[in-house]
Amino acid sequence: MAHILITSGPTREYLDPVRYLSNASSGRMGAALAEAALDAGHRVTVVSGPVEVAYPAAAEVISIVSTQEMLSACQRVFPDCDCLIAAAAPCDYRPKNVAGQKIHKTGEPLRLEFVETPDIVATLATGKKASQIIVAFALETEEQHRRAMQKLERKRCDLIVVNGPEAIRADRTHVEILDKNGQVVGEFTGGKNEVAKNIFQAIWHRIKT
């Protein structure tokens, strides 16, 4: 039995006490991957941002809000895991300064300065053991393979799952799995539960070998 760590859903970066930067990630793929891993007999920990989807009862779920919180939770869990599947869509930026009170209209343009959030996968990869497998997701709107390979190399992943924006909040999806050589080692289309099972099988084949 392996211990699988899955990140899922979006993160939120607050501008003030009531407004935040986020995205439309639903957490459906993360939930489907958790179910696939559990069905295969493995232990699963999910680190999830705010979602409405229900995760399998047998999975350990750690709920977070911000990208930094997701990273901190993963840093606690990852050392004891065999595989990280980073299916979450964490915010890449956060406001440099967070207003302590609600921002009100003034009749003038509102200017905000943003700074990058930590790269969760790349940070975890710095402490990766030789036996651990890291799988990232790349949602791209253009030049999908080229940009996905750049992410794979930068984040030091073993595999990367490529999809497009049409996958967001959808019941069905189309994905390709690329290895370090840029080879497509899996291509699947269908409902997210079905695709998640195929993704996990491809990952498990890599873990076993």
C-alpha atoms as a PDB file:
ATOM      1  CA  MET A   1       0.000   0.000   0.000  1.00  0.00           C
ATOM      2  CA  ALA A   2       1.331   3.411  -0.976  1.00  0.00           C
ATOM      3  CA  HIS A   3       0.598   6.770   0.630  1.00  0.00           C
ATOM      4  CA  ILE A   4      -0.708   9.177  -2.015  1.00  0.00           C
ATOM      5  CA  LEU A   5      -0.808  12.943  -1.402  1.00  0.00           C
ATOM      6  CA  ILE A   6      -3.254  14.827  -3.642  1.00  0.00           C
ATOM      7  CA  THR A   7      -3.665  18.591  -3.817  1.00  0.00           C
ATOM      8  CA  SER A   8      -7.063  19.727  -5.032  1.00  0.00           C
ATOM      9  CA  GLY A   9      -9.269  22.734  -5.708  1.00  0.00           C
ATOM     10  CA  PRO A  10      -8.394  26.420  -5.790  1.00  0.00           C
ATOM     11  CA  THR A  11      -6.742  28.652  -3.235  1.00  0.00           C
ATOM     12  CA  ARG A  12      -7.826  32.146  -2.234  1.00  0.00           C
ATOM     13  CA  GLU A  13      -5.680  35.226  -1.748  1.00  0.00           C
ATOM     14  CA  TYR A  14      -7.587  37.934   0.067  1.00  0.00           C
ATOM     15  CA  LEU A  15      -7.503  41.597  -0.983  1.00  0.00           C
ATOM     16  CA  ASP A  16      -9.479  42.713   2.053  1.00  0.00           C
ATOM     17  CA  PRO A  17     -11.664  40.880   4.606  1.00  0.00           C
ATOM     18  CA  VAL A  18     -14.393  40.111   2.017  1.00  0.00           C
ATOM     19  CA  ARG A  19     -12.748  39.995  -1.433  1.00  0.00           C
ATOM     20  CA  TYR A  20     -10.216  37.569  -2.812  1.00  0.00           C
ATOM     21  CA  LEU A  21      -8.340  36.433  -5.911  1.00  0.00           C
ATOM     22  CA  SER A  22      -9.131  32.850  -6.927  1.00  0.00           C
ATOM     23  CA  ASN A  23     -10.209  30.665  -9.861  1.00  0.00           C
ATOM     24  CA  ALA A  24     -13.041  28.329 -10.823  1.00  0.00           C
ATOM     25  CA  SER A  25     -11.359  25.021  -9.973  1.00  0.00           C
ATOM     26  CA  SER A  26     -14.065  22.709  -8.585  1.00  0.00           C
ATOM     27  CA  GLY A  27     -11.936  19.981  -6.999  1.00  0.00           C
ATOM     28  CA  ARG A  28     -13.729  17.292  -9.034  1.00  0.00           C
ATOM     29  CA  MET A  29     -10.539  15.863 -10.507  1.00  0.00           C
ATOM     30  CA  GLY A  30      -8.874  15.791  -7.093  1.00  0.00           C
ATOM     31  CA  ALA A  31     -11.857  13.944  -5.635  1.00  0.00           C
ATOM     32  CA  ALA A  32     -11.891  11.493  -8.550  1.00  0.00           C
ATOM     33  CA  LEU A  33      -8.167  10.823  -8.154  1.00  0.00           C
ATOM     34  CA  ALA A  34      -8.631  10.244  -4.438  1.00  0.00           C
ATOM     35  CA  GLU A  35     -11.376   7.735  -5.151  1.00  0.00           C
ATOM     36  CA  ALA A  36      -9.237   5.974  -7.777  1.00  0.00           C
ATOM     37  CA  ALA A  37      -6.291   5.677  -5.372  1.00  0.00           C
ATOM     38  CA  LEU A  38      -8.502   4.416  -2.551  1.00  0.00           C
ATOM     39  CA  ASP A  39     -10.166   1.877  -4.848  1.00  0.00           C
ATOM     40  CA  ALA A  40      -6.680   0.595  -5.678  1.00  0.00           C
ATOM     41  CA  GLY A  41      -6.066  -0.028  -1.976  1.00  0.00           C
ATOM     42  CA  HIS A  42      -3.862   2.926  -1.089  1.00  0.00           C
ATOM     43  CA  ARG A  43      -3.829   5.470   1.725  1.00  0.00           C
ATOM     44  CA  VAL A  44      -4.836   8.939   0.541  1.00  0.00           C
ATOM     45  CA  THR A  45      -4.331  12.410   1.992  1.00  0.00           C
ATOM     46  CA  VAL A  46      -6.023  15.327   0.222  1.00  0.00           C
ATOM     47  CA  VAL A  47      -4.944  18.925   0.807  1.00  0.00           C
ATOM     48  CA  SER A  48      -7.816  20.973  -0.531  1.00  0.00           C
ATOM     49  CA  GLY A  49      -8.763  24.578  -1.002  1.00  0.00           C
ATOM     50  CA  PRO A  50     -12.393  25.721  -0.629  1.00  0.00           C
ATOM     51  CA  VAL A  51     -14.635  23.472  -2.741  1.00  0.00           C
ATOM     52  CA  GLU A  52     -18.221  22.231  -2.755  1.00  0.00           C
ATOM     53  CA  VAL A  53     -17.300  18.731  -3.930  1.00  0.00           C
ATOM     54  CA  ALA A  54     -17.315  15.902  -1.373  1.00  0.00           C
ATOM     55  CA  TYR A  55     -14.133  13.876  -0.991  1.00  0.00           C
ATOM     56  CA  PRO A  56     -14.273  10.128  -0.274  1.00  0.00           C
ATOM     57  CA  ALA A  57     -14.894   9.407   3.403  1.00  0.00           C
ATOM     58  CA  ALA A  58     -11.845   7.127   3.575  1.00  0.00           C
ATOM     59  CA  ALA A  59      -9.470   9.917   2.563  1.00  0.00           C
ATOM     60  CA  GLU A  60      -7.790  12.154   5.106  1.00  0.00           C
ATOM     61  CA  VAL A  61      -8.711  15.713   4.101  1.00  0.00           C
ATOM     62  CA  ILE A  62      -6.761  18.782   5.188  1.00  0.00           C
ATOM     63  CA  SER A  63      -8.669  21.968   4.377  1.00  0.00           C
ATOM     64  CA  ILE A  64      -6.742  25.148   3.631  1.00  0.00           C
ATOM     65  CA  VAL A  65      -7.458  28.563   2.089  1.00  0.00           C
ATOM     66  CA  SER A  66      -4.293  30.259   0.819  1.00  0.00           C
ATOM     67  CA  THR A  67      -1.440  28.999  -1.338  1.00  0.00           C
ATOM     68  CA  GLN A  68       0.984  29.343   1.565  1.00  0.00           C
ATOM     69  CA  GLU A  69      -1.338  27.250   3.739  1.00  0.00           C
ATOM     70  CA  MET A  70      -1.460  24.572   1.024  1.00  0.00           C
ATOM     71  CA  LEU A  71       2.327  24.521   0.848  1.00  0.00           C
ATOM     72  CA  SER A  72       2.706  24.308   4.628  1.00  0.00           C
ATOM     73  CA  ALA A  73       0.244  21.404   4.844  1.00  0.00           C
ATOM     74  CA  CYS A  74       2.009  19.555   2.027  1.00  0.00           C
ATOM     75  CA  GLN A  75       5.396  20.079   3.645  1.00  0.00           C
ATOM     76  CA  ARG A  76       4.105  18.311   6.755  1.00  0.00           C
ATOM     77  CA  VAL A  77       2.690  15.344   4.815  1.00  0.00           C
ATOM     78  CA  PHE A  78       4.963  14.888   1.784  1.00  0.00           C
ATOM     79  CA  PRO A  79       8.024  13.405   3.549  1.00  0.00           C
ATOM     80  CA  ASP A  80       5.964  10.309   4.469  1.00  0.00           C
ATOM     81  CA  CYS A  81       4.323   9.939   1.041  1.00  0.00           C
ATOM     82  CA  ASP A  82       5.214   7.793  -1.930  1.00  0.00           C
ATOM     83  CA  CYS A  83       3.606  10.051  -4.516  1.00  0.00           C
ATOM     84  CA  LEU A  84       2.370  13.610  -4.881  1.00  0.00           C
ATOM     85  CA  ILE A  85      -0.376  14.278  -7.431  1.00  0.00           C
ATOM     86  CA  ALA A  86      -0.679  18.057  -7.657  1.00  0.00           C
ATOM     87  CA  ALA A  87      -4.143  18.497  -9.170  1.00  0.00           C
ATOM     88  CA  ALA A  88      -4.884  21.771  -7.355  1.00  0.00           C
ATOM     89  CA  ALA A  89      -5.006  25.164  -9.043  1.00  0.00           C
ATOM     90  CA  PRO A  90      -3.326  27.426  -6.474  1.00  0.00           C
ATOM     91  CA  CYS A  91      -3.181  31.159  -7.100  1.00  0.00           C
ATOM     92  CA  ASP A  92       0.103  32.228  -8.675  1.00  0.00           C
ATOM     93  CA  TYR A  93      -0.138  35.729  -7.195  1.00  0.00           C
ATOM     94  CA  ARG A  94      -1.266  37.415  -3.985  1.00  0.00           C
ATOM     95  CA  PRO A  95      -1.704  41.088  -3.161  1.00  0.00           C
ATOM     96  CA  LYS A  96       1.435  42.658  -1.737  1.00  0.00           C
ATOM     97  CA  ASN A  97      -0.673  44.370   0.911  1.00  0.00           C
ATOM     98  CA  VAL A  98      -3.997  43.176   2.319  1.00  0.00           C
ATOM     99  CA  ALA A  99      -6.427  45.868   3.436  1.00  0.00           C
ATOM    100  CA  GLY A 100      -7.544  45.507   7.041  1.00  0.00           C
ATOM    101  CA  GLN A 101     -11.013  46.846   6.233  1.00  0.00           C
ATOM    102  CA  LYS A 102     -13.326  46.508   3.225  1.00  0.00           C
ATOM    103  CA  ILE A 103     -12.086  48.536   0.258  1.00  0.00           C
ATOM    104  CA  HIS A 104     -14.720  51.128  -0.677  1.00  0.00           C
ATOM    105  CA  LYS A 105     -15.319  52.951  -3.948  1.00  0.00           C
ATOM    106  CA  THR A 106     -13.660  56.350  -4.240  1.00  0.00           C
ATOM    107  CA  GLY A 107     -14.491  57.291  -7.824  1.00  0.00           C
ATOM    108  CA  GLU A 108     -10.850  56.722  -8.776  1.00  0.00           C
ATOM    109  CA  PRO A 109      -9.111  53.708 -10.338  1.00  0.00           C
ATOM    110  CA  LEU A 110      -8.009  51.092  -7.833  1.00  0.00           C
ATOM    111  CA  ARG A 111      -4.389  50.041  -8.216  1.00  0.00           C
ATOM    112  CA  LEU A 112      -3.172  46.843  -6.623  1.00  0.00           C
ATOM    113  CA  GLU A 113       0.316  45.379  -6.587  1.00  0.00           C
ATOM    114  CA  PHE A 114       0.704  41.607  -6.674  1.00  0.00           C
ATOM    115  CA  VAL A 115       3.640  39.356  -5.822  1.00  0.00           C
ATOM    116  CA  GLU A 116       4.158  35.694  -6.690  1.00  0.00           C
ATOM    117  CA  THR A 117       3.021  33.011  -4.293  1.00  0.00           C
ATOM    118  CA  PRO A 118       5.371  30.094  -3.525  1.00  0.00           C
ATOM    119  CA  ASP A 119       5.574  27.312  -6.114  1.00  0.00           C
ATOM    120  CA  ILE A 120       4.230  24.351  -4.147  1.00  0.00           C
ATOM    121  CA  VAL A 121       5.468  21.554  -6.412  1.00  0.00           C
ATOM    122  CA  ALA A 122       8.909  23.068  -7.010  1.00  0.00           C
ATOM    123  CA  THR A 123       9.383  23.669  -3.287  1.00  0.00           C
ATOM    124  CA  LEU A 124       8.436  20.105  -2.377  1.00  0.00           C
ATOM    125  CA  ALA A 125      10.697  18.749  -5.135  1.00  0.00           C
ATOM    126  CA  THR A 126      13.762  20.225  -3.399  1.00  0.00           C
ATOM    127  CA  GLY A 127      13.345  17.624  -0.644  1.00  0.00           C
ATOM    128  CA  LYS A 128      12.186  14.781  -2.870  1.00  0.00           C
ATOM    129  CA  LYS A 129      13.499  11.304  -2.087  1.00  0.00           C
ATOM    130  CA  ALA A 130      14.686   9.123  -4.962  1.00  0.00           C
ATOM    131  CA  SER A 131      11.773   6.755  -4.380  1.00  0.00           C
ATOM    132  CA  GLN A 132       9.098   9.472  -4.480  1.00  0.00           C
ATOM    133  CA  ILE A 133       7.070  10.323  -7.602  1.00  0.00           C
ATOM    134  CA  ILE A 134       5.833  13.856  -8.328  1.00  0.00           C
ATOM    135  CA  VAL A 135       3.026  14.409 -10.814  1.00  0.00           C
ATOM    136  CA  ALA A 136       1.865  17.918 -11.687  1.00  0.00           C
ATOM    137  CA  PHE A 137      -1.044  19.248 -13.732  1.00  0.00           C
ATOM    138  CA  ALA A 138      -0.676  21.939 -16.400  1.00  0.00           C
ATOM    139  CA  LEU A 139      -3.790  23.759 -17.574  1.00  0.00           C
ATOM    140  CA  GLU A 140      -2.733  25.760 -20.614  1.00  0.00           C
ATOM    141  CA  THR A 141      -4.628  27.893 -23.140  1.00  0.00           C
ATOM    142  CA  GLU A 142      -1.907  27.767 -25.823  1.00  0.00           C
ATOM    143  CA  GLU A 143       1.254  25.837 -26.758  1.00  0.00           C
ATOM    144  CA  GLN A 144       0.195  23.192 -24.291  1.00  0.00           C
ATOM    145  CA  HIS A 145       3.057  20.731 -24.762  1.00  0.00           C
ATOM    146  CA  ARG A 146       5.830  23.330 -24.772  1.00  0.00           C
ATOM    147  CA  ARG A 147       4.533  25.124 -21.698  1.00  0.00           C
ATOM    148  CA  ALA A 148       3.828  21.851 -19.899  1.00  0.00           C
ATOM    149  CA  MET A 149       7.391  20.657 -20.504  1.00  0.00           C
ATOM    150  CA  GLN A 150       8.746  23.951 -19.187  1.00  0.00           C
ATOM    151  CA  LYS A 151       6.723  23.392 -16.020  1.00  0.00           C
ATOM    152  CA  LEU A 152       7.858  19.779 -15.719  1.00  0.00           C
ATOM    153  CA  GLU A 153      11.503  20.805 -15.908  1.00  0.00           C
ATOM    154  CA  ARG A 154      11.155  23.838 -13.651  1.00  0.00           C
ATOM    155  CA  LYS A 155       9.195  21.941 -11.017  1.00  0.00           C
ATOM    156  CA  ARG A 156      11.344  18.779 -11.375  1.00  0.00           C
ATOM    157  CA  CYS A 157       8.355  16.477 -11.883  1.00  0.00           C
ATOM    158  CA  ASP A 158       8.341  12.902 -13.098  1.00  0.00           C
ATOM    159  CA  LEU A 159       5.118  13.288 -15.080  1.00  0.00           C
ATOM    160  CA  ILE A 160       2.811  16.139 -16.021  1.00  0.00           C
ATOM    161  CA  VAL A 161      -0.880  15.942 -16.904  1.00  0.00           C
ATOM    162  CA  VAL A 162      -1.910  18.450 -19.567  1.00  0.00           C
ATOM    163  CA  ASN A 163      -5.435  19.795 -20.037  1.00  0.00           C
ATOM    164  CA  GLY A 164      -7.218  22.947 -21.199  1.00  0.00           C
ATOM    165  CA  PRO A 165      -9.580  25.522 -19.675  1.00  0.00           C
ATOM    166  CA  GLU A 166     -12.617  23.589 -20.894  1.00  0.00           C
ATOM    167  CA  ALA A 167     -11.919  21.126 -18.056  1.00  0.00           C
ATOM    168  CA  ILE A 168     -12.802  23.698 -15.379  1.00  0.00           C
ATOM    169  CA  ARG A 169     -16.047  22.792 -13.587  1.00  0.00           C
ATOM    170  CA  ALA A 170     -16.853  20.287 -16.350  1.00  0.00           C
ATOM    171  CA  ASP A 171     -18.037  16.701 -15.938  1.00  0.00           C
ATOM    172  CA  ARG A 172     -15.846  15.499 -18.806  1.00  0.00           C
ATOM    173  CA  THR A 173     -12.226  16.190 -19.662  1.00  0.00           C
ATOM    174  CA  HIS A 174      -9.414  15.361 -22.060  1.00  0.00           C
ATOM    175  CA  VAL A 175      -5.859  14.943 -20.784  1.00  0.00           C
ATOM    176  CA  GLU A 176      -2.434  13.910 -21.984  1.00  0.00           C
ATOM    177  CA  ILE A 177       0.339  12.666 -19.705  1.00  0.00           C
ATOM    178  CA  LEU A 178       3.894  13.633 -20.640  1.00  0.00           C
ATOM    179  CA  ASP A 179       7.100  12.150 -19.258  1.00  0.00           C
ATOM    180  CA  LYS A 180      10.494  13.821 -18.837  1.00  0.00           C
ATOM    181  CA  ASN A 181      11.324  13.163 -22.491  1.00  0.00           C
ATOM    182  CA  GLY A 182       8.187  14.890 -23.707  1.00  0.00           C
ATOM    183  CA  GLN A 183       6.634  11.590 -24.753  1.00  0.00           C
ATOM    184  CA  VAL A 184       2.886  11.150 -24.428  1.00  0.00           C
ATOM    185  CA  VAL A 185       2.561   8.143 -22.112  1.00  0.00           C
ATOM    186  CA  GLY A 186      -1.212   8.408 -21.775  1.00  0.00           C
ATOM    187  CA  GLU A 187      -4.122  10.185 -23.456  1.00  0.00           C
ATOM    188  CA  PHE A 188      -7.637   9.908 -22.047  1.00  0.00           C
ATOM    189  CA  THR A 189     -11.050  11.430 -22.728  1.00  0.00           C
ATOM    190  CA  GLY A 190     -14.247  10.905 -20.764  1.00  0.00           C
ATOM    191  CA  GLY A 191     -15.917  11.574 -17.456  1.00  0.00           C
ATOM    192  CA  LYS A 192     -13.570  12.774 -14.750  1.00  0.00           C
ATOM    193  CA  ASN A 193     -13.968   9.614 -12.662  1.00  0.00           C
ATOM    194  CA  GLU A 194     -13.044   7.424 -15.624  1.00  0.00           C
ATOM    195  CA  VAL A 195     -10.143   9.654 -16.649  1.00  0.00           C
ATOM    196  CA  ALA A 196      -8.882   9.833 -13.072  1.00  0.00           C
ATOM    197  CA  LYS A 197      -8.717   6.025 -12.898  1.00  0.00           C
ATOM    198  CA  ASN A 198      -6.663   5.963 -16.102  1.00  0.00           C
ATOM    199  CA  ILE A 199      -4.361   8.706 -14.829  1.00  0.00           C
ATOM    200  CA  PHE A 200      -3.798   6.873 -11.565  1.00  0.00           C
ATOM    201  CA  GLN A 201      -3.073   3.600 -13.360  1.00  0.00           C
ATOM    202  CA  ALA A 202      -0.422   5.373 -15.454  1.00  0.00           C
ATOM    203  CA  ILE A 203       1.085   6.879 -12.308  1.00  0.00           C
ATOM    204  CA  TRP A 204       1.003   3.580 -10.428  1.00  0.00           C
ATOM    205  CA  HIS A 205       2.839   1.902 -13.291  1.00  0.00           C
ATOM    206  CA  ARG A 206       5.588   4.501 -12.813  1.00  0.00           C
ATOM    207  CA  ILE A 207       5.661   3.977  -9.034  1.00  0.00           C
ATOM    208  CA  LYS A 208       6.035   0.201  -9.403  1.00  0.00           C
ATOM    209  CA  THR A 209       8.852   0.503 -11.936  1.00  0.00           C
END
